[in-house]
Amino acid sequence: MPQRKNTFSSWRQRLAQRAVHAGWAWVRRTGSVTAEHPGRFRFGAIGEHTRLAFPLGTIFGEPWIRLGSYCIIGEQVTLTAGLMPDLDLGPDPILRIGDGVVLGRGSHVIADTTVTIGSDCYFGPYVYVTSTNHSYDDPHQPIGKQWPRMEPVEIGPGCWIGTGAVILPGARIGRNVVVAAGAVVRGTVPDHAVVAGAPAKVVRRWTPDTGWQPPLRTPAPVPIPDDITPGQLRALADLDEEAVARLAALDPDG
């Protein structure tokens, strides 16, 4: 025979679950960092409507970190300036992040020397950007005890950095560059390029004279017209394939 369900225990479990979820949502809201509510952090600058999601990753050297406006810093993102906390790094910022930047969950930006991320860059989760590399010149010393090499990193505006990409010291990434997931980037990447692999190589590039080479395999997305309402979009979502095909065959000029 089926066992009788303990409805009272089930009700208590649902209530406890709702309470936990509501409490965690409150903790996330309250623990996030903004210009209006910076908590213990004293960033060199943090723009309006920028938010660092809670739980935070490791953050230190924040007086030498400047965050632009309208940035979204995901959960557990590490932002550091300097080799270790409590150093005097001088009068100039070390880590600069422009306006409208999105750093995906679990990403790391390690700025032991200058790192600049241009405006409107989007990072997937678990991207690693560093201006420091371990050195191994002395074969008799542990690598972790040898003085590291440092080179500035610059990521131009409008870039998309895919999940798990690694940006190494000395990288100079141009404007509107796509870095494929898992790519390892060093050296200079030109504007309007797509790079992939480890080490990353240019696999596609746009120039004014030739356009995209090699050519794109899919047509460009068509932006949604400004006069389309949310109700019309919901109605389109309910159409079946046959109805969509009939609409596509219509003459756009009537």
Protein backbone atom coordinates (compact mmCIF):
# COMPACT_ATOMS: atom_id res chain seq x y z
CA MET A 1 0.00 0.00 0.00
CA PRO A 2 1.21 3.53 -0.70
CA GLN A 3 2.40 5.36 2.38
CA ARG A 4 0.30 8.23 3.64
CA LYS A 5 1.81 11.59 2.86
CA ASN A 6 2.57 13.76 5.86
CA THR A 7 0.91 16.93 4.62
CA PHE A 8 1.95 18.91 7.70
CA SER A 9 5.64 18.14 7.20
CA SER A 10 5.33 18.91 3.47
CA TRP A 11 3.70 22.25 4.28
CA ARG A 12 6.47 23.11 6.75
CA GLN A 13 9.13 22.22 4.19
CA ARG A 14 7.56 24.45 1.55
CA LEU A 15 7.30 27.30 4.02
CA ALA A 16 10.93 26.90 5.08
CA GLN A 17 12.03 26.77 1.44
CA ARG A 18 10.20 29.98 0.64
CA ALA A 19 11.72 31.65 3.69
CA VAL A 20 15.24 30.56 2.69
CA HIS A 21 14.78 31.82 -0.87
CA ALA A 22 13.33 35.12 0.31
CA GLY A 23 16.12 35.53 2.84
CA TRP A 24 18.81 34.79 0.27
CA ALA A 25 17.25 37.28 -2.17
CA TRP A 26 17.36 39.91 0.60
CA VAL A 27 21.01 39.07 1.37
CA ARG A 28 21.95 39.39 -2.31
CA ARG A 29 20.21 42.77 -2.61
CA THR A 30 21.66 44.09 0.63
CA GLY A 31 25.16 42.73 0.07
CA SER A 32 25.60 44.16 -3.44
CA VAL A 33 27.92 47.16 -3.80
CA THR A 34 26.94 50.41 -5.51
CA ALA A 35 28.10 54.02 -5.44
CA GLU A 36 25.31 54.80 -2.99
CA HIS A 37 26.04 51.76 -0.81
CA PRO A 38 29.76 50.93 -1.13
CA GLY A 39 30.00 49.15 2.22
CA ARG A 40 33.62 48.85 3.35
CA PHE A 41 34.99 49.45 -0.15
CA ARG A 42 36.54 52.77 -1.16
CA PHE A 43 36.96 52.58 -4.91
CA GLY A 44 38.88 55.26 -6.74
CA ALA A 45 35.63 55.79 -8.65
CA ILE A 46 32.37 53.92 -9.09
CA GLY A 47 29.86 55.30 -11.57
CA GLU A 48 26.13 55.66 -11.23
CA HIS A 49 23.99 52.54 -11.66
CA THR A 50 27.03 50.28 -11.40
CA ARG A 51 26.49 47.23 -9.21
CA LEU A 52 28.77 44.51 -7.88
CA ALA A 53 26.64 41.44 -7.24
CA PHE A 54 26.78 39.55 -3.96
CA PRO A 55 28.50 37.27 -3.05
CA LEU A 56 31.60 39.22 -4.03
CA GLY A 57 34.89 37.74 -5.11
CA THR A 58 38.26 38.89 -3.81
CA ILE A 59 38.63 42.67 -3.98
CA PHE A 60 41.62 44.70 -2.85
CA GLY A 61 43.50 47.80 -3.91
CA GLU A 62 40.14 49.42 -4.60
CA PRO A 63 41.49 53.03 -4.25
CA TRP A 64 43.34 52.27 -7.52
CA ILE A 65 40.28 50.73 -9.21
CA ARG A 66 37.95 52.94 -11.25
CA LEU A 67 34.60 51.59 -12.39
CA GLY A 68 32.49 53.40 -14.96
CA SER A 69 28.72 53.87 -14.97
CA TYR A 70 26.09 51.23 -15.78
CA CYS A 71 28.46 48.31 -15.17
CA ILE A 72 27.32 44.88 -14.04
CA ILE A 73 29.91 42.94 -12.05
CA GLY A 74 28.66 39.38 -11.59
CA GLU A 75 28.83 37.18 -8.52
CA GLN A 76 32.22 36.03 -7.25
CA VAL A 77 34.18 38.33 -9.58
CA THR A 78 37.72 39.11 -8.42
CA LEU A 79 39.06 42.65 -8.93
CA THR A 80 42.54 43.42 -7.61
CA ALA A 81 45.06 46.24 -7.99
CA GLY A 82 48.62 45.57 -6.87
CA LEU A 83 50.39 42.38 -5.88
CA MET A 84 48.77 42.32 -2.43
CA PRO A 85 46.51 44.41 -0.22
CA ASP A 86 47.60 47.54 1.64
CA LEU A 87 50.24 48.69 -0.85
CA ASP A 88 50.70 52.33 -1.88
CA LEU A 89 50.44 52.19 -5.67
CA GLY A 90 50.98 55.89 -6.34
CA PRO A 91 48.67 58.60 -7.68
CA ASP A 92 47.38 56.91 -10.85
CA PRO A 93 44.70 54.24 -11.21
CA ILE A 94 45.84 50.70 -11.95
CA LEU A 95 42.58 49.07 -13.07
CA ARG A 96 40.22 51.10 -15.27
CA ILE A 97 36.84 49.74 -16.36
CA GLY A 98 34.74 51.84 -18.74
CA ASP A 99 31.00 52.49 -18.87
CA GLY A 100 28.51 49.72 -19.56
CA VAL A 101 30.92 46.84 -18.93
CA VAL A 102 29.57 43.41 -17.94
CA LEU A 103 31.88 40.97 -16.14
CA GLY A 104 30.42 37.47 -15.97
CA ARG A 105 30.20 35.33 -12.86
CA GLY A 106 33.49 34.04 -11.50
CA SER A 107 35.70 36.19 -13.71
CA HIS A 108 39.09 37.47 -12.49
CA VAL A 109 40.77 40.76 -13.37
CA ILE A 110 44.25 40.84 -11.80
CA ALA A 111 45.92 44.21 -12.28
CA ASP A 112 49.38 44.15 -10.75
CA THR A 113 50.24 46.79 -13.34
CA THR A 114 47.79 48.74 -15.47
CA VAL A 115 44.76 46.99 -16.98
CA THR A 116 42.23 48.94 -19.04
CA ILE A 117 38.85 47.58 -20.18
CA GLY A 118 37.01 49.82 -22.64
CA SER A 119 33.35 50.76 -22.49
CA ASP A 120 30.59 48.34 -23.53
CA CYS A 121 32.72 45.22 -23.21
CA TYR A 122 30.89 42.02 -22.31
CA PHE A 123 32.62 39.13 -20.57
CA GLY A 124 31.17 35.66 -20.29
CA PRO A 125 31.63 33.74 -17.03
CA TYR A 126 35.04 32.66 -15.74
CA VAL A 127 37.16 34.95 -17.90
CA TYR A 128 40.69 35.51 -16.57
CA VAL A 129 42.57 38.75 -17.27
CA THR A 130 46.02 39.26 -15.77
CA SER A 131 48.91 41.66 -16.19
CA THR A 132 51.34 39.29 -14.42
CA ASN A 133 53.03 36.06 -15.41
CA HIS A 134 55.17 33.79 -13.26
CA SER A 135 58.81 33.64 -14.30
CA TYR A 136 60.94 30.51 -14.29
CA ASP A 137 64.39 31.87 -15.23
CA ASP A 138 66.15 30.29 -12.25
CA PRO A 139 65.85 26.49 -12.52
CA HIS A 140 66.90 26.10 -8.87
CA GLN A 141 64.16 28.23 -7.32
CA PRO A 142 60.48 27.36 -6.97
CA ILE A 143 58.56 29.21 -9.68
CA GLY A 144 56.19 30.72 -7.16
CA LYS A 145 59.12 32.41 -5.36
CA GLN A 146 60.62 34.04 -8.44
CA TRP A 147 59.79 37.66 -9.19
CA PRO A 148 56.97 37.79 -11.78
CA ARG A 149 56.95 39.61 -15.09
CA MET A 150 54.37 42.38 -15.55
CA GLU A 151 53.05 44.01 -18.72
CA PRO A 152 50.03 46.31 -19.15
CA VAL A 153 46.84 44.91 -20.69
CA GLU A 154 44.39 46.89 -22.82
CA ILE A 155 41.00 45.69 -24.08
CA GLY A 156 39.32 48.09 -26.48
CA PRO A 157 35.67 49.17 -26.34
CA GLY A 158 32.84 47.02 -27.61
CA CYS A 159 34.54 43.62 -27.24
CA TRP A 160 32.94 40.29 -26.45
CA ILE A 161 35.13 37.95 -24.38
CA GLY A 162 33.80 34.37 -24.36
CA THR A 163 33.50 31.99 -21.44
CA GLY A 164 36.78 30.77 -19.99
CA ALA A 165 39.00 33.00 -22.13
CA VAL A 166 42.41 33.98 -20.75
CA ILE A 167 43.94 37.39 -21.50
CA LEU A 168 47.68 37.33 -20.79
CA PRO A 169 50.11 40.14 -19.85
CA GLY A 170 50.96 42.48 -22.70
CA ALA A 171 47.75 41.79 -24.65
CA ARG A 172 46.44 44.68 -26.73
CA ILE A 173 42.96 43.90 -27.98
CA GLY A 174 41.38 46.33 -30.43
CA ARG A 175 37.85 47.66 -30.78
CA ASN A 176 34.83 45.36 -31.27
CA VAL A 177 36.83 42.14 -31.08
CA VAL A 178 35.30 38.72 -30.41
CA VAL A 179 37.44 36.43 -28.28
CA ALA A 180 36.13 32.87 -28.58
CA ALA A 181 35.39 30.76 -25.51
CA GLY A 182 38.52 29.19 -24.09
CA ALA A 183 40.91 31.29 -26.18
CA VAL A 184 44.29 32.30 -24.74
CA VAL A 185 45.22 35.78 -25.97
CA ARG A 186 48.64 37.40 -25.99
CA GLY A 187 50.12 40.12 -28.17
CA THR A 188 48.16 42.52 -30.38
CA VAL A 189 44.70 41.83 -31.84
CA PRO A 190 43.45 44.26 -34.53
CA ASP A 191 40.07 46.01 -34.50
CA HIS A 192 36.99 44.11 -35.71
CA ALA A 193 38.56 40.66 -35.50
CA VAL A 194 37.49 37.25 -34.23
CA VAL A 195 40.21 35.27 -32.46
CA ALA A 196 40.12 31.66 -31.27
CA GLY A 197 42.45 28.96 -30.02
CA ALA A 198 45.39 28.62 -27.65
CA PRO A 199 47.36 30.62 -28.49
CA ALA A 200 44.61 32.70 -30.08
CA LYS A 201 44.81 33.45 -33.80
CA VAL A 202 42.68 35.69 -36.01
CA VAL A 203 40.07 33.52 -37.73
CA ARG A 204 37.93 36.31 -39.21
CA ARG A 205 38.33 40.04 -39.68
CA TRP A 206 36.37 43.00 -41.04
CA THR A 207 37.95 45.83 -43.04
CA PRO A 208 36.23 48.70 -44.89
CA ASP A 209 37.57 47.48 -48.25
CA THR A 210 36.73 43.77 -48.09
CA GLY A 211 34.09 43.44 -45.36
CA TRP A 212 34.18 40.22 -43.35
CA GLN A 213 36.79 37.74 -44.51
CA PRO A 214 36.09 34.90 -44.61
CA PRO A 215 32.47 35.88 -45.29
CA LEU A 216 29.87 35.34 -42.60
CA ARG A 217 27.88 32.12 -43.01
CA THR A 218 24.62 33.47 -41.57
CA PRO A 219 22.69 36.65 -42.36
CA ALA A 220 22.88 39.52 -39.91
CA PRO A 221 20.06 39.63 -37.32
CA VAL A 222 17.26 42.05 -38.12
CA PRO A 223 16.67 44.53 -35.26
CA ILE A 224 13.16 44.72 -33.81
CA PRO A 225 11.43 47.88 -35.15
CA ASP A 226 10.89 50.63 -32.60
CA ASP A 227 7.10 50.63 -33.00
CA ILE A 228 6.64 46.93 -32.15
CA THR A 229 4.78 46.43 -28.85
CA PRO A 230 5.36 43.67 -26.28
CA GLY A 231 1.92 42.28 -27.10
CA GLN A 232 2.83 41.92 -30.77
CA LEU A 233 6.04 40.10 -29.85
CA ARG A 234 4.10 37.65 -27.67
CA ALA A 235 1.69 37.04 -30.54
CA LEU A 236 4.61 36.27 -32.87
CA ALA A 237 5.98 33.78 -30.37
CA ASP A 238 2.73 31.80 -30.57
CA LEU A 239 2.85 31.37 -34.36
CA ASP A 240 3.59 27.93 -35.78
CA GLU A 241 6.13 27.26 -38.55
CA GLU A 242 3.50 27.36 -41.31
CA ALA A 243 2.23 30.78 -40.24
CA VAL A 244 5.78 32.12 -40.01
CA ALA A 245 6.50 30.85 -43.54
CA ARG A 246 3.37 32.59 -44.88
CA LEU A 247 4.41 35.87 -43.23
CA ALA A 248 7.91 35.58 -44.64
CA ALA A 249 6.53 35.14 -48.15
CA LEU A 250 4.50 38.38 -48.00
CA ASP A 251 5.62 41.34 -50.08
CA PRO A 252 7.03 43.91 -47.59
CA ASP A 253 5.75 46.72 -49.81
CA GLY A 254 2.19 45.46 -49.52
